[in-house]
């Protein structure tokens, strides 16, 4: 199978019924875009785990909202930590992280979650992450 331009070719070996698919990309990079969606965004952890099990490592990850949180943690090598955090959340703990902001810059400020991530990840520059990463916001 060929990409749009003939300089990149993709070889794919597919096995059915739940077995792993091999994906070899010649002459290109693999990028992954992770979207928002509040609690549904925790599913990105499972996607990244499945890709890893299949031997696929994205060269660059971009994310927005919860996708940026998960993508950034993956790029920093902290997927286990963010999964442990996500699994520990209860309704009460989730509400504890909701710092409502009526100043017009967004309904939820997010500073409590930022503080928690700072504690867990430390202060790392985006340029120093293990995988290239971009966070998208509007």
N, C-alpha and C. Protein backbone atom coordinates (compact mmCIF):
# COMPACT_ATOMS: atom_id res chain seq x y z
N UNK A 1 0.84 -1.16 0.00
CA UNK A 1 0.00 0.00 0.00
C UNK A 1 0.90 1.24 0.00
N UNK A 2 0.55 2.24 -0.73
CA UNK A 2 1.38 3.43 -0.86
C UNK A 2 0.69 4.64 -0.26
N UNK A 3 1.48 5.50 0.36
CA UNK A 3 0.96 6.76 0.87
C UNK A 3 0.62 7.64 -0.33
N UNK A 4 0.16 8.86 -0.07
CA UNK A 4 -0.21 9.78 -1.15
C UNK A 4 0.98 10.05 -2.05
N UNK A 5 2.15 10.28 -1.47
CA UNK A 5 3.33 10.46 -2.30
C UNK A 5 4.11 9.14 -2.32
N UNK A 6 4.75 8.84 -3.43
CA UNK A 6 5.43 7.56 -3.60
C UNK A 6 6.73 7.46 -2.83
N UNK A 7 7.18 8.53 -2.16
CA UNK A 7 8.45 8.47 -1.44
C UNK A 7 8.31 7.74 -0.12
N UNK A 8 7.10 7.60 0.38
CA UNK A 8 6.88 6.88 1.63
C UNK A 8 6.04 5.65 1.32
N UNK A 9 6.49 4.52 1.76
CA UNK A 9 5.73 3.29 1.54
C UNK A 9 5.45 2.63 2.87
N UNK A 10 4.30 2.02 2.96
CA UNK A 10 3.89 1.37 4.19
C UNK A 10 3.69 -0.10 3.90
N UNK A 11 4.37 -0.93 4.67
CA UNK A 11 4.17 -2.37 4.59
C UNK A 11 3.36 -2.79 5.80
N UNK A 12 2.34 -3.55 5.58
CA UNK A 12 1.46 -3.91 6.67
C UNK A 12 1.19 -5.41 6.62
N UNK A 13 1.43 -6.07 7.73
CA UNK A 13 1.11 -7.47 7.86
C UNK A 13 -0.03 -7.57 8.86
N UNK A 14 -1.14 -8.10 8.45
CA UNK A 14 -2.31 -8.12 9.32
C UNK A 14 -2.66 -9.55 9.70
N UNK A 15 -2.95 -9.74 10.97
CA UNK A 15 -3.43 -11.02 11.46
C UNK A 15 -4.76 -10.76 12.13
N UNK A 16 -5.74 -11.60 11.88
CA UNK A 16 -7.08 -11.36 12.39
C UNK A 16 -7.28 -11.90 13.80
N UNK A 17 -8.46 -11.61 14.31
CA UNK A 17 -8.96 -12.10 15.60
C UNK A 17 -8.09 -11.67 16.78
N UNK A 18 -7.86 -10.38 16.91
CA UNK A 18 -7.23 -9.85 18.11
C UNK A 18 -5.73 -9.94 18.17
N UNK A 19 -5.10 -10.45 17.14
CA UNK A 19 -3.65 -10.53 17.16
C UNK A 19 -3.05 -9.21 16.72
N UNK A 20 -1.81 -9.01 17.06
CA UNK A 20 -1.13 -7.74 16.81
C UNK A 20 -0.90 -7.50 15.33
N UNK A 21 -1.08 -6.26 14.90
CA UNK A 21 -0.76 -5.86 13.54
C UNK A 21 0.62 -5.23 13.55
N UNK A 22 1.44 -5.58 12.59
CA UNK A 22 2.75 -4.96 12.44
C UNK A 22 2.65 -3.83 11.45
N UNK A 23 3.26 -2.72 11.76
CA UNK A 23 3.23 -1.58 10.87
C UNK A 23 4.65 -1.07 10.72
N UNK A 24 5.18 -1.16 9.53
CA UNK A 24 6.52 -0.66 9.25
C UNK A 24 6.40 0.55 8.34
N UNK A 25 6.95 1.65 8.77
CA UNK A 25 6.90 2.87 7.98
C UNK A 25 8.31 3.16 7.50
N UNK A 26 8.48 3.22 6.20
CA UNK A 26 9.79 3.52 5.63
C UNK A 26 9.85 4.98 5.22
N UNK A 27 10.88 5.68 5.64
CA UNK A 27 11.09 7.05 5.20
C UNK A 27 10.12 8.07 5.75
N UNK A 28 9.46 7.77 6.84
CA UNK A 28 8.52 8.73 7.42
C UNK A 28 8.49 8.63 8.93
N UNK A 29 7.70 9.47 9.52
CA UNK A 29 7.54 9.47 10.97
C UNK A 29 6.09 9.19 11.31
N UNK A 30 5.88 8.71 12.51
CA UNK A 30 4.54 8.44 13.00
C UNK A 30 4.16 9.56 13.96
N UNK A 31 3.05 10.22 13.68
CA UNK A 31 2.52 11.25 14.56
C UNK A 31 1.19 10.80 15.13
N UNK A 32 0.91 11.22 16.35
CA UNK A 32 -0.33 10.85 17.02
C UNK A 32 -0.98 12.11 17.56
N UNK A 33 -2.25 12.32 17.24
CA UNK A 33 -3.02 13.47 17.74
C UNK A 33 -4.04 12.97 18.75
N UNK A 34 -3.99 13.53 19.94
CA UNK A 34 -4.91 13.15 21.01
C UNK A 34 -5.84 14.32 21.30
N UNK A 35 -7.14 14.04 21.33
CA UNK A 35 -8.12 15.09 21.50
C UNK A 35 -8.56 15.27 22.93
N UNK A 36 -9.50 16.21 23.10
CA UNK A 36 -10.07 16.49 24.41
C UNK A 36 -11.22 15.54 24.69
N UNK A 37 -11.99 15.87 25.68
CA UNK A 37 -13.15 15.05 25.98
C UNK A 37 -13.28 14.71 27.45
N UNK A 38 -12.66 15.50 28.29
CA UNK A 38 -12.76 15.31 29.74
C UNK A 38 -12.41 13.87 30.12
N UNK A 39 -13.29 13.23 30.88
CA UNK A 39 -13.00 11.90 31.40
C UNK A 39 -12.79 10.86 30.30
N UNK A 40 -13.44 11.05 29.15
CA UNK A 40 -13.24 10.10 28.05
C UNK A 40 -11.79 10.11 27.57
N UNK A 41 -11.10 11.20 27.81
CA UNK A 41 -9.71 11.33 27.39
C UNK A 41 -8.76 10.38 28.09
N UNK A 42 -9.18 9.83 29.24
CA UNK A 42 -8.32 8.85 29.91
C UNK A 42 -8.13 7.62 29.03
N UNK A 43 -9.02 7.41 28.08
CA UNK A 43 -8.90 6.28 27.15
C UNK A 43 -7.63 6.38 26.31
N UNK A 44 -7.07 7.58 26.19
CA UNK A 44 -5.81 7.74 25.45
C UNK A 44 -4.69 6.89 26.05
N UNK A 45 -4.77 6.65 27.35
CA UNK A 45 -3.76 5.81 28.01
C UNK A 45 -3.80 4.41 27.40
N UNK A 46 -5.00 3.87 27.23
CA UNK A 46 -5.15 2.54 26.63
C UNK A 46 -4.68 2.51 25.19
N UNK A 47 -4.94 3.57 24.45
CA UNK A 47 -4.47 3.65 23.06
C UNK A 47 -2.95 3.60 23.02
N UNK A 48 -2.31 4.39 23.87
CA UNK A 48 -0.83 4.40 23.90
C UNK A 48 -0.27 3.05 24.34
N UNK A 49 -0.93 2.40 25.27
CA UNK A 49 -0.49 1.06 25.70
C UNK A 49 -0.61 0.07 24.53
N UNK A 50 -1.73 0.11 23.81
CA UNK A 50 -1.93 -0.80 22.68
C UNK A 50 -0.90 -0.56 21.59
N UNK A 51 -0.61 0.70 21.30
CA UNK A 51 0.42 1.00 20.30
C UNK A 51 1.78 0.46 20.73
N UNK A 52 2.11 0.64 21.99
CA UNK A 52 3.38 0.15 22.52
C UNK A 52 3.46 -1.37 22.41
N UNK A 53 2.39 -2.06 22.77
CA UNK A 53 2.35 -3.52 22.66
C UNK A 53 2.53 -3.98 21.22
N UNK A 54 2.05 -3.17 20.28
CA UNK A 54 2.17 -3.50 18.86
C UNK A 54 3.52 -3.09 18.29
N UNK A 55 4.38 -2.53 19.14
CA UNK A 55 5.70 -2.13 18.68
C UNK A 55 5.71 -0.81 17.93
N UNK A 56 4.66 -0.01 18.11
CA UNK A 56 4.57 1.27 17.43
C UNK A 56 4.85 2.38 18.43
N UNK A 57 5.90 3.16 18.16
CA UNK A 57 6.25 4.27 19.02
C UNK A 57 6.13 5.56 18.21
N UNK A 58 5.17 6.42 18.59
CA UNK A 58 5.03 7.68 17.86
C UNK A 58 6.30 8.52 17.96
N UNK A 59 6.66 9.17 16.85
CA UNK A 59 7.80 10.07 16.85
C UNK A 59 7.43 11.43 17.41
N UNK A 60 6.17 11.79 17.28
CA UNK A 60 5.67 13.06 17.80
C UNK A 60 4.23 12.87 18.24
N UNK A 61 3.88 13.54 19.35
CA UNK A 61 2.52 13.50 19.86
C UNK A 61 2.05 14.94 20.02
N UNK A 62 0.82 15.18 19.58
CA UNK A 62 0.18 16.48 19.80
C UNK A 62 -1.13 16.21 20.52
N UNK A 63 -1.48 17.09 21.44
CA UNK A 63 -2.72 16.89 22.16
C UNK A 63 -3.35 18.20 22.57
N UNK A 64 -4.65 18.14 22.84
CA UNK A 64 -5.37 19.28 23.38
C UNK A 64 -6.17 18.81 24.59
N UNK A 65 -6.30 19.68 25.57
CA UNK A 65 -7.06 19.40 26.77
C UNK A 65 -6.50 18.13 27.44
N UNK A 66 -7.35 17.17 27.76
CA UNK A 66 -6.88 15.95 28.42
C UNK A 66 -5.91 15.18 27.52
N UNK A 67 -6.05 15.33 26.21
CA UNK A 67 -5.11 14.70 25.28
C UNK A 67 -3.71 15.27 25.44
N UNK A 68 -3.61 16.56 25.78
CA UNK A 68 -2.30 17.18 26.03
C UNK A 68 -1.71 16.66 27.34
N UNK A 69 -2.56 16.46 28.33
CA UNK A 69 -2.09 15.93 29.61
C UNK A 69 -1.52 14.52 29.42
N UNK A 70 -2.29 13.66 28.76
CA UNK A 70 -1.86 12.27 28.56
C UNK A 70 -0.65 12.23 27.63
N UNK A 71 -0.70 12.97 26.53
CA UNK A 71 0.41 13.00 25.58
C UNK A 71 1.68 13.52 26.21
N UNK A 72 1.56 14.57 27.02
CA UNK A 72 2.73 15.13 27.70
C UNK A 72 3.34 14.16 28.70
N UNK A 73 2.48 13.46 29.43
CA UNK A 73 2.98 12.47 30.38
C UNK A 73 3.67 11.31 29.66
N UNK A 74 3.10 10.88 28.54
CA UNK A 74 3.73 9.82 27.75
C UNK A 74 5.09 10.29 27.23
N UNK A 75 5.12 11.50 26.69
CA UNK A 75 6.37 12.04 26.14
C UNK A 75 7.44 12.20 27.21
N UNK A 76 7.02 12.43 28.45
CA UNK A 76 7.95 12.59 29.56
C UNK A 76 8.33 11.25 30.20
N UNK A 77 7.73 10.16 29.70
CA UNK A 77 8.04 8.84 30.26
C UNK A 77 7.27 8.54 31.54
N UNK A 78 6.11 9.17 31.74
CA UNK A 78 5.34 9.00 32.96
C UNK A 78 3.93 8.47 32.70
N UNK A 79 3.79 7.58 31.73
CA UNK A 79 2.46 7.03 31.45
C UNK A 79 1.95 6.20 32.63
N UNK A 80 2.84 5.46 33.28
CA UNK A 80 2.42 4.66 34.44
C UNK A 80 1.88 5.55 35.55
N UNK A 81 2.55 6.66 35.80
CA UNK A 81 2.13 7.58 36.87
C UNK A 81 0.75 8.17 36.59
N UNK A 82 0.53 8.61 35.35
CA UNK A 82 -0.76 9.23 35.04
C UNK A 82 -1.87 8.18 35.04
N UNK A 83 -1.55 6.94 34.66
CA UNK A 83 -2.56 5.89 34.73
C UNK A 83 -2.91 5.58 36.18
N UNK A 84 -1.91 5.52 37.03
CA UNK A 84 -2.16 5.28 38.46
C UNK A 84 -3.03 6.41 39.04
N UNK A 85 -2.72 7.64 38.66
CA UNK A 85 -3.52 8.79 39.11
C UNK A 85 -4.96 8.66 38.61
N UNK A 86 -5.14 8.35 37.33
CA UNK A 86 -6.48 8.24 36.75
C UNK A 86 -7.29 7.15 37.43
N UNK A 87 -6.65 6.03 37.72
CA UNK A 87 -7.36 4.92 38.36
C UNK A 87 -7.73 5.23 39.81
N UNK A 88 -7.01 6.16 40.42
CA UNK A 88 -7.30 6.52 41.81
C UNK A 88 -8.42 7.54 41.95
N UNK A 89 -8.88 8.11 40.84
CA UNK A 89 -9.90 9.16 40.91
C UNK A 89 -11.26 8.60 41.30
N UNK A 90 -11.88 9.29 42.20
CA UNK A 90 -13.27 9.03 42.57
C UNK A 90 -14.05 10.30 42.22
N UNK A 91 -15.35 10.25 42.29
CA UNK A 91 -16.13 11.46 42.00
C UNK A 91 -15.72 12.59 42.93
N UNK A 92 -15.53 12.27 44.17
CA UNK A 92 -15.14 13.29 45.15
C UNK A 92 -13.80 13.92 44.79
N UNK A 93 -12.83 13.10 44.42
CA UNK A 93 -11.51 13.62 44.05
C UNK A 93 -11.58 14.45 42.77
N UNK A 94 -12.41 14.02 41.81
CA UNK A 94 -12.57 14.79 40.57
C UNK A 94 -13.11 16.17 40.89
N UNK A 95 -14.14 16.25 41.72
CA UNK A 95 -14.70 17.55 42.08
C UNK A 95 -13.69 18.40 42.84
N UNK A 96 -12.80 17.76 43.55
CA UNK A 96 -11.75 18.50 44.26
C UNK A 96 -10.77 19.19 43.31
N UNK A 97 -10.64 18.65 42.11
CA UNK A 97 -9.74 19.26 41.12
C UNK A 97 -10.42 20.34 40.28
N UNK A 98 -11.74 20.44 40.37
CA UNK A 98 -12.47 21.44 39.57
C UNK A 98 -12.41 22.79 40.26
N UNK A 99 -11.55 23.64 39.80
CA UNK A 99 -11.48 25.00 40.34
C UNK A 99 -12.21 25.93 39.36
N UNK A 100 -13.46 26.18 39.70
CA UNK A 100 -14.36 26.94 38.83
C UNK A 100 -13.86 28.38 38.71
N UNK A 101 -13.90 28.86 37.46
CA UNK A 101 -13.41 30.21 37.15
C UNK A 101 -14.50 30.94 36.36
N UNK A 102 -15.02 32.00 36.92
CA UNK A 102 -16.06 32.76 36.24
C UNK A 102 -15.52 34.07 35.66
N UNK A 103 -14.20 34.18 35.56
CA UNK A 103 -13.57 35.43 35.08
C UNK A 103 -13.58 35.55 33.56
N UNK A 104 -14.08 34.56 32.85
CA UNK A 104 -14.19 34.66 31.40
C UNK A 104 -13.08 34.00 30.62
N UNK A 105 -12.09 33.40 31.31
CA UNK A 105 -10.99 32.76 30.60
C UNK A 105 -11.20 31.25 30.46
N UNK A 106 -12.32 30.77 30.87
CA UNK A 106 -12.64 29.35 30.81
C UNK A 106 -13.40 28.96 32.06
N UNK A 107 -14.27 27.98 31.96
CA UNK A 107 -15.09 27.60 33.09
C UNK A 107 -14.28 26.97 34.21
N UNK A 108 -13.32 26.14 33.84
CA UNK A 108 -12.48 25.47 34.84
C UNK A 108 -11.05 25.95 34.64
N UNK A 109 -10.47 26.47 35.70
CA UNK A 109 -9.13 27.04 35.63
C UNK A 109 -8.08 25.96 35.37
N UNK A 110 -8.15 24.85 36.07
CA UNK A 110 -7.20 23.76 35.86
C UNK A 110 -5.93 23.88 36.67
N UNK A 111 -5.81 24.91 37.51
CA UNK A 111 -4.56 25.12 38.25
C UNK A 111 -4.29 24.00 39.24
N UNK A 112 -5.31 23.43 39.84
CA UNK A 112 -5.10 22.33 40.79
C UNK A 112 -4.50 21.11 40.09
N UNK A 113 -4.98 20.83 38.90
CA UNK A 113 -4.41 19.71 38.14
C UNK A 113 -2.99 20.04 37.70
N UNK A 114 -2.75 21.26 37.29
CA UNK A 114 -1.39 21.68 36.91
C UNK A 114 -0.44 21.51 38.09
N UNK A 115 -0.87 21.92 39.29
CA UNK A 115 -0.03 21.78 40.48
C UNK A 115 0.28 20.31 40.76
N UNK A 116 -0.73 19.45 40.59
CA UNK A 116 -0.54 18.01 40.82
C UNK A 116 0.45 17.44 39.81
N UNK A 117 0.34 17.86 38.55
CA UNK A 117 1.27 17.39 37.51
C UNK A 117 2.68 17.90 37.77
N UNK A 118 2.81 19.14 38.21
CA UNK A 118 4.13 19.68 38.56
C UNK A 118 4.79 18.86 39.65
N UNK A 119 4.00 18.48 40.66
CA UNK A 119 4.54 17.66 41.74
C UNK A 119 5.02 16.30 41.23
N UNK A 120 4.23 15.72 40.34
CA UNK A 120 4.55 14.38 39.84
C UNK A 120 5.68 14.38 38.81
N UNK A 121 5.69 15.36 37.93
CA UNK A 121 6.64 15.37 36.81
C UNK A 121 7.85 16.25 37.03
N UNK A 122 7.75 17.19 37.93
CA UNK A 122 8.84 18.14 38.11
C UNK A 122 8.80 19.18 37.00
N UNK A 123 9.75 20.04 37.00
CA UNK A 123 9.80 21.11 36.01
C UNK A 123 10.72 20.69 34.88
N UNK A 124 10.13 20.20 33.80
CA UNK A 124 10.90 19.78 32.62
C UNK A 124 10.51 20.65 31.45
N UNK A 125 11.50 21.03 30.69
CA UNK A 125 11.24 21.81 29.48
C UNK A 125 10.70 20.88 28.40
N UNK A 126 9.78 21.39 27.60
CA UNK A 126 9.17 20.59 26.53
C UNK A 126 10.24 20.08 25.56
N UNK A 127 11.30 20.86 25.40
CA UNK A 127 12.39 20.47 24.49
C UNK A 127 13.18 19.28 25.02
N UNK A 128 13.07 18.98 26.32
CA UNK A 128 13.85 17.90 26.94
C UNK A 128 13.07 16.59 27.08
N UNK A 129 11.85 16.55 26.55
CA UNK A 129 11.05 15.33 26.67
C UNK A 129 11.61 14.21 25.81
N UNK A 130 11.31 12.97 26.18
CA UNK A 130 11.80 11.80 25.46
C UNK A 130 11.23 11.70 24.04
N UNK A 131 10.00 12.15 23.86
CA UNK A 131 9.32 12.13 22.56
C UNK A 131 8.92 13.55 22.23
N UNK A 132 8.99 13.94 20.96
CA UNK A 132 8.56 15.27 20.57
C UNK A 132 7.09 15.45 20.93
N UNK A 133 6.74 16.63 21.43
CA UNK A 133 5.39 16.86 21.94
C UNK A 133 4.95 18.29 21.65
N UNK A 134 3.67 18.44 21.34
CA UNK A 134 3.07 19.76 21.17
C UNK A 134 1.70 19.77 21.82
N UNK A 135 1.42 20.83 22.56
CA UNK A 135 0.11 21.03 23.16
C UNK A 135 -0.61 22.11 22.35
N UNK A 136 -1.87 21.86 22.04
CA UNK A 136 -2.64 22.77 21.22
C UNK A 136 -3.75 23.38 22.06
N UNK A 137 -3.88 24.71 21.99
CA UNK A 137 -4.94 25.40 22.72
C UNK A 137 -5.47 26.54 21.87
N UNK A 138 -6.70 26.92 22.13
CA UNK A 138 -7.27 28.07 21.44
C UNK A 138 -7.73 29.08 22.47
